[in-house]
Protein backbone atom coordinates (compact mmCIF):
# COMPACT_ATOMS: atom_id res chain seq x y z
CA UNK A 1 0.39 0.07 0.26
CA UNK A 2 2.53 1.47 1.39
CA UNK A 3 4.71 2.24 -2.35
CA UNK A 4 0.86 2.01 -4.30
CA UNK A 5 0.78 5.23 -2.32
CA UNK A 6 3.92 5.79 -3.44
CA UNK A 7 3.73 6.06 -7.23
CA UNK A 8 0.28 7.94 -6.90
CA UNK A 9 2.14 10.26 -5.01
CA UNK A 10 4.98 10.22 -7.21
CA UNK A 11 3.24 10.96 -10.33
CA UNK A 12 -0.10 12.94 -9.92
CA UNK A 13 -0.88 13.76 -13.75
CA UNK A 14 -1.01 9.71 -14.15
CA UNK A 15 -3.13 9.47 -11.09
CA UNK A 16 -5.68 12.02 -12.68
CA UNK A 17 -5.73 10.57 -15.70
CA UNK A 18 -6.58 6.60 -14.61
CA UNK A 19 -9.35 8.52 -11.92
CA UNK A 20 -10.56 10.72 -15.01
CA UNK A 21 -10.68 6.93 -16.90
CA UNK A 22 -12.37 5.24 -14.15
CA UNK A 23 -15.28 7.67 -13.94
CA UNK A 24 -16.03 7.42 -17.39
CA UNK A 25 -15.99 4.24 -17.37
CA UNK A 26 -18.81 4.35 -15.00
CA UNK A 27 -20.74 6.90 -16.55
CA UNK A 28 -20.65 4.94 -19.37
CA UNK A 29 -22.34 2.05 -17.92
CA UNK A 30 -24.37 4.26 -16.71
CA UNK A 31 -24.79 5.23 -20.14
CA UNK A 32 -25.86 2.44 -20.56
CA UNK A 33 -29.45 2.25 -18.45
CA UNK A 34 -30.71 4.74 -20.48
CA UNK A 35 -30.08 3.26 -23.70
CA UNK A 36 -27.18 6.04 -25.14
CA UNK A 37 -30.66 8.80 -24.66
CA UNK A 38 -27.96 11.28 -21.91
CA UNK A 39 -24.65 11.20 -22.63
CA UNK A 40 -21.53 9.64 -20.80
CA UNK A 41 -19.73 12.76 -20.31
CA UNK A 42 -23.01 14.62 -18.43
CA UNK A 43 -23.33 11.64 -16.48
CA UNK A 44 -19.00 12.29 -16.13
CA UNK A 45 -19.50 15.06 -15.47
CA UNK A 46 -22.32 14.71 -12.21
CA UNK A 47 -19.29 12.38 -10.78
CA UNK A 48 -17.30 15.22 -11.12
CA UNK A 49 -18.91 17.90 -9.72
CA UNK A 50 -20.11 15.46 -6.51
CA UNK A 51 -16.73 14.55 -6.15
CA UNK A 52 -14.90 18.11 -5.86
CA UNK A 53 -17.98 19.04 -3.46
CA UNK A 54 -16.59 15.73 -1.09
CA UNK A 55 -13.28 17.15 -1.97
CA UNK A 56 -13.27 20.80 -1.41
CA UNK A 57 -15.72 20.37 1.85
CA UNK A 58 -13.25 17.53 3.48
CA UNK A 59 -10.52 19.75 3.13
CA UNK A 60 -12.09 23.22 3.09
CA UNK A 61 -9.84 24.91 0.23
CA UNK A 62 -10.80 26.08 -2.92
CA UNK A 63 -9.90 23.40 -5.63
CA UNK A 64 -12.64 20.97 -5.32
CA UNK A 65 -11.52 17.16 -5.97
CA UNK A 66 -6.96 18.77 -6.42
CA UNK A 67 -7.20 19.59 -2.50
CA UNK A 68 -6.62 16.03 -1.81
CA UNK A 69 -2.73 15.29 -1.86
CA UNK A 70 -3.46 12.30 -3.60
CA UNK A 71 -4.90 13.56 -6.43
CA UNK A 72 -3.33 16.98 -6.74
CA UNK A 73 -3.18 15.97 -10.41
CA UNK A 74 -6.18 17.14 -11.59
CA UNK A 75 -5.96 20.34 -11.28
CA UNK A 76 -3.71 20.12 -14.20
CA UNK A 77 -5.50 17.89 -15.79
CA UNK A 78 -8.50 20.06 -15.99
CA UNK A 79 -6.98 23.36 -16.72
CA UNK A 80 -6.79 25.56 -19.59
CA UNK A 81 -3.80 23.29 -21.18
CA UNK A 82 -5.34 20.60 -21.64
CA UNK A 83 -9.48 21.51 -22.28
CA UNK A 84 -8.09 24.21 -25.37
CA UNK A 85 -5.76 21.20 -26.53
CA UNK A 86 -8.98 19.28 -27.04
CA UNK A 87 -10.85 21.92 -29.02
CA UNK A 88 -8.30 22.46 -31.50
CA UNK A 89 -8.05 19.00 -31.49
CA UNK A 90 -11.93 18.64 -32.56
CA UNK A 91 -11.88 21.79 -34.84
CA UNK A 92 -9.23 19.69 -37.31
CA UNK A 93 -11.88 17.45 -37.77
CA UNK A 94 -14.37 20.58 -39.88
CA UNK A 95 -14.14 20.70 -43.67
CA UNK A 96 -14.53 23.45 -44.79
CA UNK A 97 -16.93 23.49 -47.38
CA UNK A 98 -19.24 22.20 -44.58
CA UNK A 99 -19.10 24.57 -42.70
CA UNK A 100 -19.01 27.42 -45.10
CA UNK A 101 -22.89 26.28 -45.75
CA UNK A 102 -24.33 27.51 -42.26
CA UNK A 103 -22.88 30.64 -43.74
CA UNK A 104 -25.40 33.81 -42.47
CA UNK A 105 -27.38 32.04 -39.92
CA UNK A 106 -24.92 30.65 -38.56
CA UNK A 107 -23.08 34.45 -38.01
CA UNK A 108 -26.88 35.49 -36.73
CA UNK A 109 -26.80 32.48 -34.65
CA UNK A 110 -23.93 32.74 -32.87
CA UNK A 111 -24.54 36.95 -31.77
CA UNK A 112 -28.60 35.96 -31.27
CA UNK A 113 -27.42 33.54 -28.62
CA UNK A 114 -24.18 35.68 -27.20
CA UNK A 115 -27.29 38.69 -26.27
CA UNK A 116 -29.69 36.58 -25.05
CA UNK A 117 -27.90 34.44 -23.02
CA UNK A 118 -26.67 38.40 -21.14
CA UNK A 119 -29.55 39.54 -21.11
CA UNK A 120 -31.61 36.04 -19.51
CA UNK A 121 -28.45 36.21 -16.83
CA UNK A 122 -28.56 40.32 -16.30
CA UNK A 123 -32.28 40.02 -15.49
CA UNK A 124 -32.49 36.86 -13.53
CA UNK A 125 -29.27 38.52 -11.41
CA UNK A 126 -31.42 41.20 -10.73
CA UNK A 127 -34.10 39.83 -9.17
CA UNK A 128 -31.91 37.87 -6.80
CA UNK A 129 -30.36 41.50 -5.93
CA UNK A 130 -27.35 41.94 -8.21
CA UNK A 131 -28.13 45.10 -9.39
CA UNK A 132 -24.57 46.50 -10.19
CA UNK A 133 -23.23 46.81 -13.56
CA UNK A 134 -20.97 45.09 -12.73
CA UNK A 135 -22.90 41.59 -10.92
CA UNK A 136 -25.09 41.88 -13.23
CA UNK A 137 -22.82 41.33 -16.28
CA UNK A 138 -20.22 38.41 -14.94
CA UNK A 139 -22.96 36.25 -14.30
CA UNK A 140 -25.03 37.28 -17.92
CA UNK A 141 -21.58 36.43 -19.16
CA UNK A 142 -21.84 33.32 -16.84
CA UNK A 143 -24.62 32.31 -18.49
CA UNK A 144 -23.74 32.13 -22.25
CA UNK A 145 -19.93 30.12 -21.18
CA UNK A 146 -18.80 29.23 -18.02
CA UNK A 147 -15.53 31.08 -19.27
CA UNK A 148 -17.41 33.96 -20.32
CA UNK A 149 -18.10 34.29 -16.97
CA UNK A 150 -15.13 34.57 -15.38
CA UNK A 151 -13.21 35.93 -17.87
CA UNK A 152 -16.45 39.50 -17.63
CA UNK A 153 -15.78 39.08 -13.45
CA UNK A 154 -12.28 39.28 -13.71
CA UNK A 155 -12.18 42.09 -16.77
CA UNK A 156 -14.52 44.09 -14.59
CA UNK A 157 -12.72 43.49 -11.35
CA UNK A 158 -15.98 41.09 -9.86
CA UNK A 159 -16.52 39.71 -5.69
CA UNK A 160 -15.72 35.71 -6.47
CA UNK A 161 -18.59 35.59 -5.27
CA UNK A 162 -20.21 36.46 -8.03
CA UNK A 163 -17.76 35.05 -10.49
CA UNK A 164 -18.26 31.83 -8.47
CA UNK A 165 -21.70 32.03 -9.52
CA UNK A 166 -21.68 33.05 -12.93
CA UNK A 167 -19.81 29.85 -13.70
CA UNK A 168 -22.41 27.67 -11.44
CA UNK A 169 -24.81 29.32 -14.69
CA UNK A 170 -22.27 28.11 -17.38
CA UNK A 171 -22.14 24.79 -15.99
CA UNK A 172 -26.55 23.97 -15.84
CA UNK A 173 -26.49 25.47 -18.94
CA UNK A 174 -23.45 23.06 -20.52
CA UNK A 175 -25.25 19.74 -18.96
CA UNK A 176 -28.58 20.73 -19.51
CA UNK A 177 -27.17 20.76 -24.05
CA UNK A 178 -25.84 17.49 -23.15
CA UNK A 179 -28.84 15.97 -21.59
CA UNK A 180 -31.63 17.95 -23.84
CA UNK A 181 -29.66 17.41 -27.16
CA UNK A 182 -30.62 13.79 -28.27
CA UNK A 183 -34.13 14.23 -27.57
CA UNK A 184 -34.02 17.67 -29.65
CA UNK A 185 -32.33 15.98 -32.34
CA UNK A 186 -35.06 15.00 -34.54
CA UNK A 187 -37.47 18.30 -34.12
CA UNK A 188 -34.29 20.51 -34.27
CA UNK A 189 -33.32 18.40 -37.94
CA UNK A 190 -30.08 17.81 -36.50
CA UNK A 191 -28.92 15.55 -39.41
CA UNK A 192 -26.77 17.49 -41.44
CA UNK A 193 -23.57 19.83 -40.70
CA UNK A 194 -24.97 23.09 -41.57
CA UNK A 195 -27.65 22.40 -39.04
CA UNK A 196 -25.34 21.31 -36.53
CA UNK A 197 -22.76 23.92 -37.45
CA UNK A 198 -25.84 26.57 -35.98
CA UNK A 199 -26.98 24.97 -33.43
CA UNK A 200 -23.32 24.95 -31.95
CA UNK A 201 -23.42 29.19 -32.56
CA UNK A 202 -26.75 29.82 -31.28
CA UNK A 203 -26.17 26.99 -28.20
CA UNK A 204 -22.43 27.75 -27.56
CA UNK A 205 -21.42 26.00 -24.49
CA UNK A 206 -18.70 23.75 -25.84
CA UNK A 207 -18.54 20.97 -24.23
CA UNK A 208 -22.21 20.63 -23.89
CA UNK A 209 -23.03 21.22 -27.61
CA UNK A 210 -19.37 17.89 -28.20
CA UNK A 211 -21.54 15.59 -25.80
CA UNK A 212 -24.84 15.95 -27.39
CA UNK A 213 -24.47 16.22 -30.85
CA UNK A 214 -21.54 13.07 -29.80
CA UNK A 215 -25.05 10.82 -28.59
CA UNK A 216 -26.93 12.52 -31.18
CA UNK A 217 -24.75 11.54 -34.80
CA UNK A 218 -20.66 11.45 -33.95
CA UNK A 219 -19.80 12.98 -37.00
CA UNK A 220 -21.59 16.33 -36.04
CA UNK A 221 -19.30 17.53 -33.83
CA UNK A 222 -17.08 19.05 -35.27
CA UNK A 223 -18.92 20.94 -36.63
CA UNK A 224 -21.08 22.19 -33.70
CA UNK A 225 -18.50 22.60 -31.51
CA UNK A 226 -16.31 24.46 -34.25
CA UNK A 227 -18.96 27.88 -33.79
CA UNK A 228 -19.45 27.27 -29.49
CA UNK A 229 -15.95 27.90 -29.74
CA UNK A 230 -16.72 31.04 -31.76
CA UNK A 231 -19.19 31.45 -29.37
CA UNK A 232 -17.10 31.60 -26.49
CA UNK A 233 -14.50 33.92 -28.21
CA UNK A 234 -16.76 35.81 -28.75
CA UNK A 235 -18.84 36.39 -26.34
CA UNK A 236 -14.93 37.16 -24.05
CA UNK A 237 -15.38 39.90 -25.98
CA UNK A 238 -18.77 41.97 -26.14
CA UNK A 239 -19.66 40.07 -22.73
CA UNK A 240 -17.21 42.74 -21.27
CA UNK A 241 -17.25 45.61 -22.77
CA UNK A 242 -20.78 46.02 -25.35
CA UNK A 243 -22.48 43.91 -22.70
CA UNK A 244 -21.17 45.51 -19.75
CA UNK A 245 -21.90 49.31 -21.20
CA UNK A 246 -24.57 48.11 -22.28
CA UNK A 247 -26.50 46.80 -18.99
CA UNK A 248 -24.58 50.84 -17.18
CA UNK A 249 -26.70 52.41 -19.20
CA UNK A 250 -29.37 50.82 -18.30
CA UNK A 251 -28.78 50.50 -14.24
CA UNK A 252 -26.17 53.37 -13.69
């Protein structure tokens, strides 16, 4: 046991891969119970959130399971380097001639969805007592994606509590998209790359869109993920600037 613990703590990143692999295996088994209608990625995220809560509660730290010394490598594995690598790798599966078919509808979907998500998030924040433009923009950014929220909050000087709320809003959105996409695919006409590209721009959550489309038709994943990535980048640009100034004009 001492040898095993020594190996686990000495190679934390390897341990993180093993832990995530086990979680994905368990999530896949659970997913089979739902006949593939709920993608294992969504189940794995829920398991991860539960483990993060347990780890944070047990240690009193702020980094979830990564605060437990045996699982410190998860903090590195869950960082931006691997996330961005996965996004870029997914984008390489795109055929440009198919993506171009999305054309103007894809661009319109991006802009409309960012504006709509920001408005809904900001309005919800206002309804719960967060009435400053900074707080409303941060939580509105979280409703765009859980990346846009923290970027907006850090840019505008929001408190850590508000930034945490923005992340929570984005995670809820991501999981919802993962779970609902397979059920809505037929109604939404998600059966071709152009539709997937528009859908990715409309929903915006890269992880949610990718997992949802994977449960629908794996061939559509690169197209939805690519426009969803543009969505995140565009949100990081627009919400802290145009979105914030619009909110200042409204609430002061």
